[in-house]
Amino acid sequence: MNKLIENQAEELALRIDDSNENHHLWNNNGTWWIHYTIYPTPVTAERVRHSLRTSDLSIARERRDTLFQKLLNPTTRLAA
């Protein structure tokens, strides 16, 4: 029996609350962190959390927004 294997991309789950400017951010002992969920397959979920390496909230927001832009608009780079 032949099985069809499909290459499925990860799905990013972002629930953005427009009334909360600090969505996906939390302060852990003075350092801002980001957290979000990805779905590598339709039946699995993976929570991603990492430090934004800043104690400044405005910098943390900028880094969060930059990261989300990269995740939502991936560019495919081909080898030369």
C-alpha atoms as a PDB file:
ATOM      1  CA  MET A   1       0.000   0.000   0.000  1.00  0.00           C
ATOM      2  CA  ASN A   2       1.423   3.386  -1.005  1.00  0.00           C
ATOM      3  CA  LYS A   3       1.294   6.159   1.519  1.00  0.00           C
ATOM      4  CA  LEU A   4       1.256   9.783   0.475  1.00  0.00           C
ATOM      5  CA  ILE A   5       3.535  11.884   2.650  1.00  0.00           C
ATOM      6  CA  GLU A   6       2.769  15.560   2.653  1.00  0.00           C
ATOM      7  CA  ASN A   7       5.185  18.185   3.827  1.00  0.00           C
ATOM      8  CA  GLN A   8       3.164  20.359   6.162  1.00  0.00           C
ATOM      9  CA  ALA A   9       4.550  23.631   7.425  1.00  0.00           C
ATOM     10  CA  GLU A  10       4.348  24.690  11.026  1.00  0.00           C
ATOM     11  CA  GLU A  11       1.346  26.744  11.947  1.00  0.00           C
ATOM     12  CA  LEU A  12       1.826  29.745  14.191  1.00  0.00           C
ATOM     13  CA  ALA A  13      -0.914  30.586  16.675  1.00  0.00           C
ATOM     14  CA  LEU A  14      -1.043  34.250  17.588  1.00  0.00           C
ATOM     15  CA  ARG A  15      -3.986  35.614  19.499  1.00  0.00           C
ATOM     16  CA  ILE A  16      -3.444  39.336  19.608  1.00  0.00           C
ATOM     17  CA  ASP A  17      -5.508  41.418  21.987  1.00  0.00           C
ATOM     18  CA  ASP A  18      -5.509  44.950  20.561  1.00  0.00           C
ATOM     19  CA  SER A  19      -6.439  46.360  23.961  1.00  0.00           C
ATOM     20  CA  ASN A  20      -3.270  44.861  25.501  1.00  0.00           C
ATOM     21  CA  GLU A  21      -0.037  46.416  24.193  1.00  0.00           C
ATOM     22  CA  ASN A  22       1.969  43.796  26.078  1.00  0.00           C
ATOM     23  CA  HIS A  23       0.420  40.726  24.494  1.00  0.00           C
ATOM     24  CA  HIS A  24       2.790  37.727  24.442  1.00  0.00           C
ATOM     25  CA  LEU A  25       5.180  39.470  26.857  1.00  0.00           C
ATOM     26  CA  TRP A  26       5.912  38.842  30.494  1.00  0.00           C
ATOM     27  CA  ASN A  27       8.432  40.244  32.926  1.00  0.00           C
ATOM     28  CA  ASN A  28      10.532  37.666  34.733  1.00  0.00           C
ATOM     29  CA  ASN A  29      12.609  39.269  37.477  1.00  0.00           C
ATOM     30  CA  GLY A  30      13.224  42.431  35.478  1.00  0.00           C
ATOM     31  CA  THR A  31      13.826  40.828  32.061  1.00  0.00           C
ATOM     32  CA  TRP A  32      11.141  40.749  29.375  1.00  0.00           C
ATOM     33  CA  TRP A  33      10.302  37.411  27.760  1.00  0.00           C
ATOM     34  CA  ILE A  34       8.094  36.425  24.831  1.00  0.00           C
ATOM     35  CA  HIS A  35       5.842  33.390  24.518  1.00  0.00           C
ATOM     36  CA  TYR A  36       3.717  31.991  21.701  1.00  0.00           C
ATOM     37  CA  THR A  37       2.514  28.626  20.392  1.00  0.00           C
ATOM     38  CA  ILE A  38       3.369  26.799  17.181  1.00  0.00           C
ATOM     39  CA  TYR A  39       1.753  23.659  15.788  1.00  0.00           C
ATOM     40  CA  PRO A  40       4.419  21.524  14.077  1.00  0.00           C
ATOM     41  CA  THR A  41       1.733  19.021  13.074  1.00  0.00           C
ATOM     42  CA  PRO A  42      -2.064  19.160  13.234  1.00  0.00           C
ATOM     43  CA  VAL A  43      -2.051  17.113  16.445  1.00  0.00           C
ATOM     44  CA  THR A  44       0.884  18.591  18.366  1.00  0.00           C
ATOM     45  CA  ALA A  45       1.533  21.956  19.953  1.00  0.00           C
ATOM     46  CA  GLU A  46       4.774  23.506  21.102  1.00  0.00           C
ATOM     47  CA  ARG A  47       5.052  26.482  23.404  1.00  0.00           C
ATOM     48  CA  VAL A  48       7.938  28.751  22.523  1.00  0.00           C
ATOM     49  CA  ARG A  49       9.384  31.003  25.188  1.00  0.00           C
ATOM     50  CA  HIS A  50      12.588  32.971  25.135  1.00  0.00           C
ATOM     51  CA  SER A  51      14.192  36.033  26.621  1.00  0.00           C
ATOM     52  CA  LEU A  52      14.124  39.348  24.796  1.00  0.00           C
ATOM     53  CA  ARG A  53      17.227  40.293  26.828  1.00  0.00           C
ATOM     54  CA  THR A  54      16.007  43.698  27.884  1.00  0.00           C
ATOM     55  CA  SER A  55      14.503  45.339  30.922  1.00  0.00           C
ATOM     56  CA  ASP A  56      13.030  48.142  28.789  1.00  0.00           C
ATOM     57  CA  LEU A  57       9.387  47.525  27.882  1.00  0.00           C
ATOM     58  CA  SER A  58       9.466  49.623  24.699  1.00  0.00           C
ATOM     59  CA  ILE A  59      12.485  47.680  23.405  1.00  0.00           C
ATOM     60  CA  ALA A  60      10.744  44.413  24.318  1.00  0.00           C
ATOM     61  CA  ARG A  61       7.689  45.441  22.285  1.00  0.00           C
ATOM     62  CA  GLU A  62       9.882  46.328  19.293  1.00  0.00           C
ATOM     63  CA  ARG A  63      11.715  43.002  19.474  1.00  0.00           C
ATOM     64  CA  ARG A  64       8.411  41.127  19.796  1.00  0.00           C
ATOM     65  CA  ASP A  65       6.962  42.922  16.773  1.00  0.00           C
ATOM     66  CA  THR A  66      10.107  42.283  14.711  1.00  0.00           C
ATOM     67  CA  LEU A  67      10.066  38.599  15.616  1.00  0.00           C
ATOM     68  CA  PHE A  68       6.381  38.228  14.747  1.00  0.00           C
ATOM     69  CA  GLN A  69       6.931  39.955  11.394  1.00  0.00           C
ATOM     70  CA  LYS A  70       9.679  37.449  10.594  1.00  0.00           C
ATOM     71  CA  LEU A  71       7.493  34.527  11.649  1.00  0.00           C
ATOM     72  CA  LEU A  72       4.434  35.715   9.744  1.00  0.00           C
ATOM     73  CA  ASN A  73       6.331  36.683   6.558  1.00  0.00           C
ATOM     74  CA  PRO A  74       9.039  34.078   6.086  1.00  0.00           C
ATOM     75  CA  THR A  75      11.337  34.504   3.141  1.00  0.00           C
ATOM     76  CA  THR A  76      12.640  31.448   1.394  1.00  0.00           C
ATOM     77  CA  ARG A  77      16.343  31.589   0.693  1.00  0.00           C
ATOM     78  CA  LEU A  78      17.720  29.182  -1.850  1.00  0.00           C
ATOM     79  CA  ALA A  79      21.284  27.951  -1.881  1.00  0.00           C
ATOM     80  CA  ALA A  80      23.401  29.327  -4.715  1.00  0.00           C
END
